[in-house]
Amino acid sequence: MANISEAAVKKINEICDRYATETTPLMMILSDIQKEYGYIPLDVQELVSDKTGIPVAEIYGVVTFYSFFSLKPKGKYVIGCCLGTACYVKGAQQVIDKFSDILGIKPGETTADGLFTLSALRCLGACGIAPAVSVNGKVYPKVSVSQVQGIIDELKGGAN
């Protein structure tokens, strides 16, 4: 989206117009843009600023503060490894390290083929099934290091 297409500009303007009567529309606008495109690069933030009058610095601050917004495109599969206390003490660090080794990326990065993004999460709220891993909202319970390759293979099988 680095060079915003005319269609994308039109869609982003429509999203901004949808919330024109709201007192504080920014979160709703950004959420809709994130859902539509998967990320919110700086040129889109500038477009939102021009349309709403909200300073780019404020928009950038919101996008970088909340983890569900992204400045870069994410992979088809977003693998989130919980590193909250319960998961951590049950081996979550070793699980995320194994994902990282196999995929060749660090948490916060996306594979070159655009298939996987690896994320370190603070808490999934699934402490009873620790260590927990989520992939696009599907939660895998009690994940062990030995299961990581199988999860990746399962996802790759569904990527065709």
Protein backbone atom coordinates (compact mmCIF):
# COMPACT_ATOMS: atom_id res chain seq x y z
CA MET A 1 0.00 0.00 0.00
CA ALA A 2 3.10 2.21 -0.07
CA ASN A 3 1.76 3.83 -3.22
CA ILE A 4 -1.91 4.18 -2.39
CA SER A 5 -4.16 3.26 -5.28
CA GLU A 6 -7.06 5.45 -6.24
CA ALA A 7 -9.46 2.73 -5.08
CA ALA A 8 -7.73 2.53 -1.69
CA VAL A 9 -7.85 6.33 -1.27
CA LYS A 10 -11.57 6.22 -2.03
CA LYS A 11 -12.15 3.38 0.48
CA ILE A 12 -10.13 5.11 3.22
CA ASN A 13 -12.06 8.34 2.63
CA GLU A 14 -15.32 6.36 2.90
CA ILE A 15 -14.14 4.88 6.20
CA CYS A 16 -13.28 8.36 7.53
CA ASP A 17 -16.65 9.73 6.35
CA ARG A 18 -18.44 6.88 8.15
CA TYR A 19 -17.30 8.33 11.49
CA ALA A 20 -17.45 12.05 10.65
CA THR A 21 -20.14 12.72 13.28
CA GLU A 22 -18.24 10.93 16.08
CA THR A 23 -16.55 13.04 18.74
CA THR A 24 -13.48 10.76 18.87
CA PRO A 25 -13.42 8.72 15.65
CA LEU A 26 -9.75 7.72 15.44
CA MET A 27 -9.87 4.22 16.96
CA MET A 28 -12.89 3.28 14.84
CA ILE A 29 -11.29 4.61 11.65
CA LEU A 30 -7.99 2.85 12.30
CA SER A 31 -9.72 -0.38 13.26
CA ASP A 32 -11.71 -0.41 10.01
CA ILE A 33 -8.60 0.34 7.95
CA GLN A 34 -6.67 -2.42 9.74
CA LYS A 35 -9.50 -4.89 9.03
CA GLU A 36 -9.66 -3.83 5.38
CA TYR A 37 -5.95 -3.82 4.55
CA GLY A 38 -4.19 -5.64 7.40
CA TYR A 39 -1.89 -2.74 8.25
CA ILE A 40 -1.69 1.05 8.48
CA PRO A 41 1.47 2.48 6.88
CA LEU A 42 2.55 6.09 7.29
CA ASP A 43 1.10 7.26 3.94
CA VAL A 44 -2.32 6.00 5.02
CA GLN A 45 -1.93 7.77 8.37
CA GLU A 46 -1.18 10.99 6.47
CA LEU A 47 -4.33 10.48 4.38
CA VAL A 48 -6.41 9.98 7.55
CA SER A 49 -4.82 13.11 9.02
CA ASP A 50 -5.70 15.17 5.94
CA LYS A 51 -9.27 13.87 6.01
CA THR A 52 -9.92 14.22 9.76
CA GLY A 53 -7.61 17.03 10.86
CA ILE A 54 -6.06 14.77 13.50
CA PRO A 55 -2.27 15.30 13.59
CA VAL A 56 -0.15 12.51 12.07
CA ALA A 57 1.87 12.35 15.31
CA GLU A 58 -1.29 11.49 17.26
CA ILE A 59 -2.35 8.87 14.71
CA TYR A 60 1.15 7.34 14.68
CA GLY A 61 1.14 7.27 18.48
CA VAL A 62 -2.10 5.29 18.53
CA VAL A 63 -0.97 2.89 15.77
CA THR A 64 2.31 2.13 17.54
CA PHE A 65 0.82 1.94 21.05
CA TYR A 66 -1.86 -0.69 20.39
CA SER A 67 -0.51 -4.09 19.40
CA PHE A 68 -3.48 -4.96 17.19
CA PHE A 69 -2.49 -2.20 14.75
CA SER A 70 0.45 -2.82 12.44
CA LEU A 71 2.70 -0.57 10.37
CA LYS A 72 3.69 -3.49 8.12
CA PRO A 73 1.67 -6.22 6.43
CA LYS A 74 1.29 -9.40 8.45
CA GLY A 75 1.53 -12.93 7.16
CA LYS A 76 -1.39 -15.09 6.11
CA TYR A 77 -0.95 -16.89 9.43
CA VAL A 78 -0.25 -14.84 12.54
CA ILE A 79 1.22 -17.15 15.16
CA GLY A 80 0.90 -15.69 18.63
CA CYS A 81 2.81 -17.36 21.43
CA CYS A 82 1.65 -16.42 24.90
CA LEU A 83 4.50 -15.44 27.19
CA GLY A 84 2.32 -14.59 30.18
CA THR A 85 3.38 -15.98 33.54
CA ALA A 86 1.49 -19.30 33.42
CA CYS A 87 2.60 -20.03 29.85
CA TYR A 88 6.15 -18.89 30.49
CA VAL A 89 6.68 -21.17 33.48
CA LYS A 90 5.36 -24.09 31.43
CA GLY A 91 7.87 -23.61 28.62
CA ALA A 92 6.41 -20.96 26.31
CA GLN A 93 9.82 -19.36 25.71
CA GLN A 94 11.14 -22.63 24.30
CA VAL A 95 8.03 -22.93 22.11
CA ILE A 96 8.39 -19.46 20.60
CA ASP A 97 12.14 -20.07 20.16
CA LYS A 98 11.33 -23.24 18.18
CA PHE A 99 8.86 -21.37 15.94
CA SER A 100 11.54 -18.73 15.44
CA ASP A 101 14.21 -21.32 14.54
CA ILE A 102 12.01 -23.20 12.08
CA LEU A 103 10.55 -20.12 10.40
CA GLY A 104 13.83 -18.18 10.43
CA ILE A 105 12.24 -15.05 11.89
CA LYS A 106 12.13 -13.31 15.25
CA PRO A 107 8.94 -12.28 17.06
CA GLY A 108 7.46 -9.26 15.31
CA GLU A 109 8.73 -10.38 11.90
CA THR A 110 7.10 -11.94 8.85
CA THR A 111 8.57 -14.64 6.63
CA ALA A 112 9.78 -13.51 3.20
CA ASP A 113 7.01 -15.52 1.50
CA GLY A 114 4.39 -13.60 3.49
CA LEU A 115 2.98 -16.78 4.96
CA PHE A 116 3.85 -16.43 8.67
CA THR A 117 4.12 -13.63 11.22
CA LEU A 118 5.42 -14.55 14.67
CA SER A 119 4.18 -12.56 17.67
CA ALA A 120 5.05 -12.71 21.36
CA LEU A 121 1.85 -12.09 23.32
CA ARG A 122 1.58 -11.00 26.93
CA CYS A 123 -1.49 -13.07 27.80
CA LEU A 124 -4.12 -15.01 25.88
CA GLY A 125 -6.27 -15.50 28.97
CA ALA A 126 -5.88 -19.26 28.56
CA CYS A 127 -3.76 -19.97 31.63
CA GLY A 128 -5.42 -23.33 32.28
CA ILE A 129 -4.13 -24.68 28.96
CA ALA A 130 -0.63 -23.22 29.16
CA PRO A 131 1.48 -22.89 27.14
CA ALA A 132 -1.02 -21.58 24.63
CA VAL A 133 -0.44 -20.58 21.01
CA SER A 134 -2.99 -18.82 18.80
CA VAL A 135 -3.04 -18.85 15.02
CA ASN A 136 -5.47 -16.38 13.47
CA GLY A 137 -7.69 -16.74 16.54
CA LYS A 138 -7.55 -20.55 16.84
CA VAL A 139 -5.99 -21.51 20.17
CA TYR A 140 -3.69 -24.51 20.46
CA PRO A 141 -3.57 -25.80 24.07
CA LYS A 142 -0.57 -27.13 26.00
CA VAL A 143 1.83 -26.72 23.08
CA SER A 144 5.17 -28.46 23.45
CA VAL A 145 8.34 -27.85 21.46
CA SER A 146 7.82 -31.20 19.72
CA GLN A 147 4.43 -30.03 18.36
CA VAL A 148 5.72 -26.85 16.69
CA GLN A 149 6.81 -28.44 13.39
CA GLY A 150 3.44 -30.20 13.11
CA ILE A 151 1.55 -26.90 13.58
CA ILE A 152 3.65 -25.27 10.87
CA ASP A 153 3.13 -28.24 8.54
CA GLU A 154 -0.63 -28.15 9.19
CA LEU A 155 -0.73 -24.46 8.31
CA LYS A 156 1.38 -24.92 5.18
CA GLY A 157 -0.97 -27.68 4.09
CA GLY A 158 -3.88 -25.25 4.37
CA ALA A 159 -2.00 -22.55 2.47
CA ASN A 160 -2.48 -24.24 -0.89
